[in-house]
Amino acid sequence: MSTFKDQLETKLIHASSSEDIEQRTGAVNVPIYLSSTFHQASFDHYGPFDYSRSGNPTRQALEQTIAELEGGTRGLAFASGMAAISSAFMLLSASDHVIVSEDVYGGTFRFVTKVLSKFNIDHTFVNMTELAEIEKAIQPNTKVIYIETPSNPCLEITDIESVVKIAKANNCLTFLDNTFMTPLYQNPIDLGVDVVLHSATKFLSGHSDIIAGLAVTKDEELGNRLAFIQNSFGAILGTYDSYLLIQGIKTLGTRLRQSTDSATKIANYLSEHPLIEDVYYPGLPSHPGHDIHVKQSSGAGAVLSFKLPDKETTKIFVEHLRLPKFAVSLGAVESILSYPAQMSHAAMPKEEREKRGITDGLLRLSVGLEHVDDLIVDIEQALHSASN
């Protein structure tokens, strides 16, 4: 029998095939098992499912899908991205220490600083573009190095393989938030990362219709530990949302590639505009860490950030835009413009934001599937209004 190694775009479509789940009718989609509990036919021997918090066939299909796409051994689906991140951090114990990317999502910053600290788990934020800073931050009780690359919202690039090497030398686990790149563009487990995390609300779903989080572990033992935490906390993804996420994943290849092409054109346009002070996008050769990103990723992604002179100019620009939604979140079919200082990073104190380059003039744009020429015309007219 021949063994075929399909490309990821093919796996996105077929990884969740219902053949192993629904053989009676031949349905091409995974069934939605809306059942909280499952009858056990034998007094002595129970089936694979008993209660949907502990396992559900629809959610299992999703979990197996993301594990295959990320090249891991165990996938787990959570009620949100933060539920996945928080649960992964619960692998730690009191008196442990974690190192976290300085330029990190505001919700992660809040959990690390306000929740982990209650359990006597210490933390250090470091600029992970500087490997020497990571090594300097290592303590005898350091157990996890937490990476975002590209980071949110300034798209800083961390050398994944180098950080993994540091972690292994110091007996640490590595966690990596892969939301921006998805398994289409970046495969951290292949680079040695222990736990890959996603806010699946974003690109994996792609339609701004569900809240979901995913985690994938490199080895089975770690997967079993995280599954125990998932079951204990009960922050599981519901059955219907699991189904919707499976459907969203099927179109990821086409959606993300088109959005990336558009984001590249918009980033180049903004780089030439006199009102724009800075553009942050891994696809630009001038972007710090561009060469590292190209080495470890196969695409630049659909998210870029750019900086206007001040808050008033930014306000005028946003209020004159017609097409992008001004909203929290990213990764959808519609373009979404966010104001990190008051949205994604509102949980971060102002002085901490500004240290990370999150100024009152910074905007983050997640490029959707609109025609790129329409988006550029819209951006151009809004910049013209902000210039006057």
Protein backbone atom coordinates (compact mmCIF):
# COMPACT_ATOMS: atom_id res chain seq x y z
CA MET A 1 0.00 0.00 0.00
CA SER A 2 1.38 3.43 -0.98
CA THR A 3 2.05 6.05 1.65
CA PHE A 4 1.15 9.58 0.62
CA LYS A 5 2.53 12.71 2.27
CA ASP A 6 -0.07 15.37 1.57
CA GLN A 7 0.67 19.07 1.59
CA LEU A 8 -0.80 21.09 4.45
CA GLU A 9 -3.46 22.67 2.22
CA THR A 10 -4.76 19.16 1.53
CA LYS A 11 -4.60 18.21 5.20
CA LEU A 12 -6.68 21.27 6.11
CA ILE A 13 -9.52 19.83 4.06
CA HIS A 14 -9.23 16.16 4.94
CA ALA A 15 -7.72 15.96 8.44
CA SER A 16 -11.16 16.11 10.02
CA SER A 17 -12.68 13.49 7.71
CA SER A 18 -15.66 11.82 9.37
CA GLU A 19 -14.83 8.36 7.98
CA ASP A 20 -13.72 7.06 11.38
CA ILE A 21 -16.67 8.67 13.18
CA GLU A 22 -19.67 8.31 10.90
CA GLN A 23 -19.58 5.18 8.76
CA ARG A 24 -23.32 4.52 8.55
CA THR A 25 -24.25 7.31 6.14
CA GLY A 26 -20.92 8.34 4.63
CA ALA A 27 -21.43 11.99 5.65
CA VAL A 28 -18.53 14.15 4.43
CA ASN A 29 -18.79 16.42 7.47
CA VAL A 30 -18.17 15.45 11.07
CA PRO A 31 -21.55 15.05 12.82
CA ILE A 32 -22.49 17.42 15.62
CA TYR A 33 -22.91 15.23 18.68
CA LEU A 34 -25.18 17.36 20.87
CA SER A 35 -25.15 15.01 23.82
CA SER A 36 -23.92 15.71 27.32
CA THR A 37 -23.77 12.06 28.29
CA PHE A 38 -23.38 8.65 26.61
CA HIS A 39 -25.06 5.30 27.34
CA GLN A 40 -22.71 2.54 28.46
CA ALA A 41 -23.76 -0.80 27.02
CA SER A 42 -21.81 -2.86 29.55
CA PHE A 43 -21.76 -2.79 33.34
CA ASP A 44 -18.05 -3.64 33.40
CA HIS A 45 -16.62 -2.06 30.25
CA TYR A 46 -17.29 1.55 29.30
CA GLY A 47 -17.02 3.07 25.85
CA PRO A 48 -14.63 5.86 24.80
CA PHE A 49 -17.12 8.60 25.76
CA ASP A 50 -19.05 9.02 28.98
CA TYR A 51 -19.57 12.76 29.61
CA SER A 52 -18.90 15.55 27.14
CA ARG A 53 -16.71 17.59 29.47
CA SER A 54 -14.28 14.67 29.39
CA GLY A 55 -14.67 13.93 25.68
CA ASN A 56 -17.06 14.42 22.80
CA PRO A 57 -16.77 12.87 19.29
CA THR A 58 -17.08 16.22 17.50
CA ARG A 59 -14.52 17.91 19.73
CA GLN A 60 -12.26 14.89 19.43
CA ALA A 61 -12.28 15.21 15.63
CA LEU A 62 -11.18 18.84 16.00
CA GLU A 63 -8.49 17.95 18.53
CA GLN A 64 -7.10 15.23 16.29
CA THR A 65 -7.15 17.65 13.37
CA ILE A 66 -5.07 20.35 15.05
CA ALA A 67 -2.64 17.75 16.39
CA GLU A 68 -2.08 16.45 12.86
CA LEU A 69 -1.75 19.94 11.37
CA GLU A 70 0.80 21.02 14.00
CA GLY A 71 2.69 17.72 13.92
CA GLY A 72 2.04 17.02 17.61
CA THR A 73 0.83 14.00 19.54
CA ARG A 74 -2.15 15.48 21.43
CA GLY A 75 -4.56 18.29 20.58
CA LEU A 76 -6.96 19.90 23.04
CA ALA A 77 -9.82 22.33 22.37
CA PHE A 78 -10.73 25.01 24.90
CA ALA A 79 -13.48 27.58 25.36
CA SER A 80 -11.15 30.45 24.34
CA GLY A 81 -7.56 31.24 23.49
CA MET A 82 -7.02 32.46 27.03
CA ALA A 83 -8.49 29.24 28.40
CA ALA A 84 -5.87 27.31 26.41
CA ILE A 85 -3.05 29.62 27.54
CA SER A 86 -4.19 29.63 31.18
CA SER A 87 -4.52 25.85 31.24
CA ALA A 88 -1.03 25.43 29.81
CA PHE A 89 0.36 27.68 32.55
CA MET A 90 -1.40 25.46 35.10
CA LEU A 91 1.21 22.82 34.30
CA LEU A 92 3.37 24.91 36.63
CA SER A 93 3.58 24.60 40.40
CA ALA A 94 4.03 27.05 43.25
CA SER A 95 7.54 28.56 43.42
CA ASP A 96 8.14 28.03 39.69
CA HIS A 97 9.34 30.86 37.44
CA VAL A 98 8.44 31.67 33.83
CA ILE A 99 10.08 33.84 31.19
CA VAL A 100 7.64 35.60 28.86
CA SER A 101 8.01 37.60 25.65
CA GLU A 102 8.00 41.28 26.54
CA ASP A 103 5.80 42.14 23.56
CA VAL A 104 2.93 39.79 24.42
CA TYR A 105 -0.85 39.80 24.09
CA GLY A 106 -2.48 41.87 26.83
CA GLY A 107 -4.63 38.99 28.08
CA THR A 108 -1.52 36.85 28.57
CA PHE A 109 0.19 39.74 30.36
CA ARG A 110 -2.83 40.06 32.66
CA PHE A 111 -2.91 36.33 33.47
CA VAL A 112 0.80 36.14 34.18
CA THR A 113 0.91 39.28 36.34
CA LYS A 114 -2.46 39.09 38.13
CA VAL A 115 -3.33 35.38 38.34
CA LEU A 116 -0.11 33.33 38.31
CA SER A 117 1.32 35.60 40.97
CA LYS A 118 -1.49 34.50 43.33
CA PHE A 119 -0.10 30.97 43.16
CA ASN A 120 3.45 32.07 43.97
CA ILE A 121 4.57 31.60 40.37
CA ASP A 122 7.07 34.30 39.45
CA HIS A 123 7.73 35.80 36.03
CA THR A 124 10.22 37.86 34.05
CA PHE A 125 9.40 39.68 30.82
CA VAL A 126 12.29 39.82 28.37
CA ASN A 127 12.96 41.09 24.88
CA MET A 128 13.20 37.74 23.13
CA THR A 129 14.86 39.23 20.09
CA GLU A 130 17.95 39.31 22.33
CA LEU A 131 18.98 35.76 23.24
CA ALA A 132 21.43 37.02 25.85
CA GLU A 133 18.53 38.56 27.76
CA ILE A 134 16.76 35.20 27.90
CA GLU A 135 19.86 33.45 29.20
CA LYS A 136 20.37 36.19 31.78
CA ALA A 137 16.76 35.81 32.99
CA ILE A 138 17.05 32.05 33.60
CA GLN A 139 16.75 31.15 37.28
CA PRO A 140 17.15 27.79 39.03
CA ASN A 141 13.34 27.52 39.28
CA THR A 142 12.59 28.58 35.67
CA LYS A 143 10.26 25.97 34.17
CA VAL A 144 8.75 27.60 31.06
CA ILE A 145 9.85 30.02 28.35
CA TYR A 146 6.76 31.52 26.71
CA ILE A 147 7.17 32.80 23.16
CA GLU A 148 5.05 34.90 20.81
CA THR A 149 6.47 35.19 17.32
CA PRO A 150 5.50 37.32 15.52
CA SER A 151 4.50 39.08 18.71
CA ASN A 152 1.37 41.10 19.33
CA PRO A 153 1.13 43.93 18.32
CA CYS A 154 4.58 45.01 17.07
CA LEU A 155 5.36 41.76 15.23
CA GLU A 156 8.72 41.20 16.91
CA ILE A 157 10.49 38.03 15.79
CA THR A 158 11.95 35.43 18.13
CA ASP A 159 14.44 32.83 16.89
CA ILE A 160 12.48 29.72 17.87
CA GLU A 161 15.25 27.14 17.47
CA SER A 162 17.69 29.22 19.48
CA VAL A 163 15.22 29.69 22.35
CA VAL A 164 14.43 25.97 22.34
CA LYS A 165 18.15 25.26 22.60
CA ILE A 166 18.42 27.58 25.63
CA ALA A 167 15.34 25.98 27.19
CA LYS A 168 16.63 22.43 26.78
CA ALA A 169 20.01 23.38 28.24
CA ASN A 170 18.18 24.65 31.33
CA ASN A 171 15.55 21.89 31.60
CA CYS A 172 12.68 24.26 30.65
CA LEU A 173 9.57 23.72 28.58
CA THR A 174 8.77 26.05 25.68
CA PHE A 175 5.25 27.32 24.97
CA LEU A 176 4.55 29.22 21.75
CA ASP A 177 1.50 31.22 20.70
CA ASN A 178 1.12 30.45 16.98
CA THR A 179 -2.09 32.44 16.41
CA PHE A 180 -0.69 34.87 13.83
CA MET A 181 1.06 32.28 11.66
CA THR A 182 -1.15 29.18 12.07
CA PRO A 183 0.24 25.77 11.06
CA LEU A 184 0.01 26.91 7.43
CA TYR A 185 3.01 29.20 7.86
CA GLN A 186 4.83 28.07 11.00
CA ASN A 187 5.34 24.66 12.63
CA PRO A 188 6.92 25.25 16.06
CA ILE A 189 6.83 21.58 17.13
CA ASP A 190 9.14 20.76 14.22
CA LEU A 191 11.51 23.32 15.74
CA GLY A 192 11.38 21.66 19.16
CA VAL A 193 8.63 23.60 20.95
CA ASP A 194 6.76 21.61 23.62
CA VAL A 195 3.31 23.25 23.57
CA VAL A 196 1.77 25.23 20.71
CA LEU A 197 -1.19 27.48 21.50
CA HIS A 198 -3.81 29.19 19.36
CA SER A 199 -6.57 31.67 19.76
CA ALA A 200 -8.59 29.69 17.23
CA THR A 201 -11.13 32.53 17.27
CA LYS A 202 -8.81 34.19 14.78
CA PHE A 203 -7.42 32.76 11.53
CA LEU A 204 -8.29 29.12 12.15
CA SER A 205 -11.98 29.98 12.45
CA GLY A 206 -11.81 33.00 10.19
CA HIS A 207 -15.39 34.25 10.39
CA SER A 208 -15.73 36.20 13.66
CA ASP A 209 -18.43 33.80 14.80
CA ILE A 210 -16.92 31.69 17.61
CA ILE A 211 -14.55 31.99 20.57
CA ALA A 212 -12.13 29.07 20.77
CA GLY A 213 -8.65 28.04 21.89
CA LEU A 214 -6.42 25.13 20.92
CA ALA A 215 -3.31 23.54 22.38
CA VAL A 216 -1.02 20.91 20.88
CA THR A 217 1.69 19.06 22.78
CA LYS A 218 4.86 17.60 21.38
CA ASP A 219 4.76 14.41 23.46
CA GLU A 220 2.06 12.18 24.85
CA GLU A 221 3.01 12.50 28.52
CA LEU A 222 2.72 16.29 28.42
CA GLY A 223 -0.52 15.92 26.48
CA ASN A 224 -1.97 13.68 29.15
CA ARG A 225 -1.04 16.19 31.86
CA LEU A 226 -2.69 19.03 29.95
CA ALA A 227 -5.76 16.87 29.24
CA PHE A 228 -6.10 16.27 32.98
CA ILE A 229 -6.10 20.04 33.54
CA GLN A 230 -8.64 20.54 30.73
CA ASN A 231 -10.98 18.00 32.28
CA SER A 232 -10.45 19.35 35.80
CA PHE A 233 -11.11 22.98 34.87
CA GLY A 234 -13.84 22.13 32.39
CA ALA A 235 -13.01 25.01 30.05
CA ILE A 236 -13.84 22.90 27.01
CA LEU A 237 -15.00 23.99 23.58
CA GLY A 238 -18.68 23.24 22.97
CA THR A 239 -19.79 20.76 20.36
CA TYR A 240 -21.34 23.19 17.90
CA ASP A 241 -18.37 25.56 18.08
CA SER A 242 -16.06 22.59 17.52
CA TYR A 243 -17.97 21.83 14.33
CA LEU A 244 -17.79 25.44 13.14
CA LEU A 245 -14.06 25.54 13.81
CA ILE A 246 -13.51 22.37 11.79
CA GLN A 247 -15.34 24.02 8.89
CA GLY A 248 -13.29 27.20 9.25
CA ILE A 249 -10.00 25.29 9.21
CA LYS A 250 -10.88 23.77 5.83
CA THR A 251 -10.64 27.16 4.10
CA LEU A 252 -7.59 28.46 5.99
CA GLY A 253 -5.16 27.93 3.11
CA THR A 254 -7.09 30.00 0.60
CA ARG A 255 -8.10 32.69 3.10
CA LEU A 256 -4.71 33.26 4.67
CA ARG A 257 -2.76 33.27 1.41
CA GLN A 258 -5.03 35.90 -0.15
CA SER A 259 -4.98 38.01 3.01
CA THR A 260 -1.18 37.75 3.17
CA ASP A 261 -0.83 38.95 -0.43
CA SER A 262 -3.03 41.94 0.38
CA ALA A 263 -1.21 42.68 3.65
CA THR A 264 2.11 42.77 1.80
CA LYS A 265 0.78 45.34 -0.66
CA ILE A 266 -0.74 47.46 2.11
CA ALA A 267 2.48 47.33 4.17
CA ASN A 268 4.49 48.52 1.17
CA TYR A 269 1.99 51.31 0.52
CA LEU A 270 2.06 52.49 4.14
CA SER A 271 5.87 52.40 4.19
CA GLU A 272 5.92 55.08 1.50
CA HIS A 273 3.30 57.37 3.05
CA PRO A 274 4.69 60.52 4.72
CA LEU A 275 2.19 60.47 7.60
CA ILE A 276 3.17 56.97 8.72
CA GLU A 277 6.06 56.92 11.18
CA ASP A 278 6.66 53.16 11.31
CA VAL A 279 5.29 49.98 9.75
CA TYR A 280 5.70 46.62 11.48
CA TYR A 281 5.33 43.64 9.15
CA PRO A 282 7.54 40.53 8.85
CA GLY A 283 7.16 40.58 5.07
CA LEU A 284 9.11 43.82 4.76
CA PRO A 285 12.88 43.24 4.27
CA SER A 286 13.44 46.23 6.57
CA HIS A 287 11.50 44.63 9.44
CA PRO A 288 13.75 43.68 12.39
CA GLY A 289 14.09 39.91 12.44
CA HIS A 290 12.91 39.51 8.84
CA ASP A 291 15.69 37.04 7.99
CA ILE A 292 14.92 34.92 11.07
CA HIS A 293 11.23 34.92 10.24
CA VAL A 294 11.90 33.78 6.67
CA LYS A 295 14.04 30.95 8.02
CA GLN A 296 11.40 29.59 10.40
CA SER A 297 8.15 30.52 8.61
CA SER A 298 6.82 30.11 5.09
CA GLY A 299 4.69 33.29 5.01
CA ALA A 300 4.52 36.79 6.44
CA GLY A 301 0.92 36.60 7.62
CA ALA A 302 -2.03 38.96 7.35
CA VAL A 303 -1.40 41.18 10.38
CA LEU A 304 0.56 44.42 10.32
CA SER A 305 0.85 47.38 12.64
CA PHE A 306 1.65 50.98 11.87
CA LYS A 307 2.25 54.14 13.81
CA LEU A 308 0.67 57.54 13.33
CA PRO A 309 2.08 60.69 15.01
CA ASP A 310 -0.40 61.02 17.89
CA LYS A 311 -3.77 60.05 19.30
CA GLU A 312 -5.71 62.86 17.62
CA THR A 313 -4.39 62.00 14.15
CA THR A 314 -5.16 58.35 14.82
CA LYS A 315 -8.71 59.19 15.88
CA ILE A 316 -9.38 61.14 12.69
CA PHE A 317 -7.91 58.36 10.55
CA VAL A 318 -10.04 55.66 12.21
CA GLU A 319 -13.24 57.69 12.00
CA HIS A 320 -12.80 58.23 8.25
CA LEU A 321 -12.19 54.60 7.34
CA ARG A 322 -15.07 52.90 5.53
CA LEU A 323 -14.20 49.22 5.05
CA PRO A 324 -12.22 47.77 8.00
CA LYS A 325 -14.21 47.04 11.13
CA PHE A 326 -12.88 48.97 14.13
CA ALA A 327 -12.95 46.18 16.65
CA VAL A 328 -11.12 43.80 18.92
CA SER A 329 -9.81 40.57 17.33
CA LEU A 330 -8.22 39.64 14.01
CA GLY A 331 -7.96 36.87 11.46
CA ALA A 332 -11.39 37.18 9.88
CA VAL A 333 -12.74 37.43 6.33
CA GLU A 334 -13.41 41.11 7.02
CA SER A 335 -10.48 43.43 7.68
CA ILE A 336 -10.29 44.46 11.34
CA LEU A 337 -8.53 47.55 12.61
CA SER A 338 -7.63 47.58 16.30
CA TYR A 339 -6.28 50.20 18.66
CA PRO A 340 -3.99 48.17 20.96
CA ALA A 341 -3.63 50.86 23.64
CA GLN A 342 -7.35 50.63 24.41
CA MET A 343 -8.24 47.18 23.06
CA SER A 344 -5.90 44.16 23.02
CA HIS A 345 -3.45 45.70 25.50
CA ALA A 346 -5.79 47.75 27.67
CA ALA A 347 -4.93 45.44 30.59
CA MET A 348 -1.32 46.60 30.40
CA PRO A 349 -0.38 49.77 32.32
CA LYS A 350 0.46 52.76 30.12
CA GLU A 351 4.14 52.79 31.09
CA GLU A 352 4.42 49.08 30.26
CA ARG A 353 2.70 49.61 26.91
CA GLU A 354 4.97 52.47 25.92
CA LYS A 355 8.08 50.48 26.86
CA ARG A 356 6.91 47.95 24.28
CA GLY A 357 6.25 50.53 21.57
CA ILE A 358 2.48 50.47 22.03
CA THR A 359 1.95 54.19 21.70
CA ASP A 360 -1.25 56.22 21.37
CA GLY A 361 -0.62 56.32 17.63
CA LEU A 362 -0.23 52.59 17.06
CA LEU A 363 -2.86 50.70 15.05
CA ARG A 364 -3.01 46.99 14.20
CA LEU A 365 -4.61 45.91 10.93
CA SER A 366 -5.71 42.36 10.24
CA VAL A 367 -6.24 42.23 6.48
CA GLY A 368 -9.30 40.34 5.30
CA LEU A 369 -10.56 39.19 1.91
CA GLU A 370 -11.77 42.49 0.46
CA HIS A 371 -10.15 43.51 -2.82
CA VAL A 372 -6.81 45.00 -1.89
CA ASP A 373 -7.28 47.99 -4.21
CA ASP A 374 -10.47 48.93 -2.38
CA LEU A 375 -8.67 48.71 0.96
CA ILE A 376 -5.79 50.89 -0.22
CA VAL A 377 -8.16 53.51 -1.64
CA ASP A 378 -10.00 53.56 1.68
CA ILE A 379 -6.78 53.86 3.70
CA GLU A 380 -5.56 56.60 1.36
CA GLN A 381 -8.67 58.75 1.79
CA ALA A 382 -8.58 58.30 5.59
CA LEU A 383 -4.90 59.31 5.70
CA HIS A 384 -5.71 62.32 3.57
CA SER A 385 -8.39 63.38 6.07
CA ALA A 386 -5.99 62.85 8.98
CA SER A 387 -3.33 64.94 7.25
CA ASN A 388 -5.56 68.04 7.00
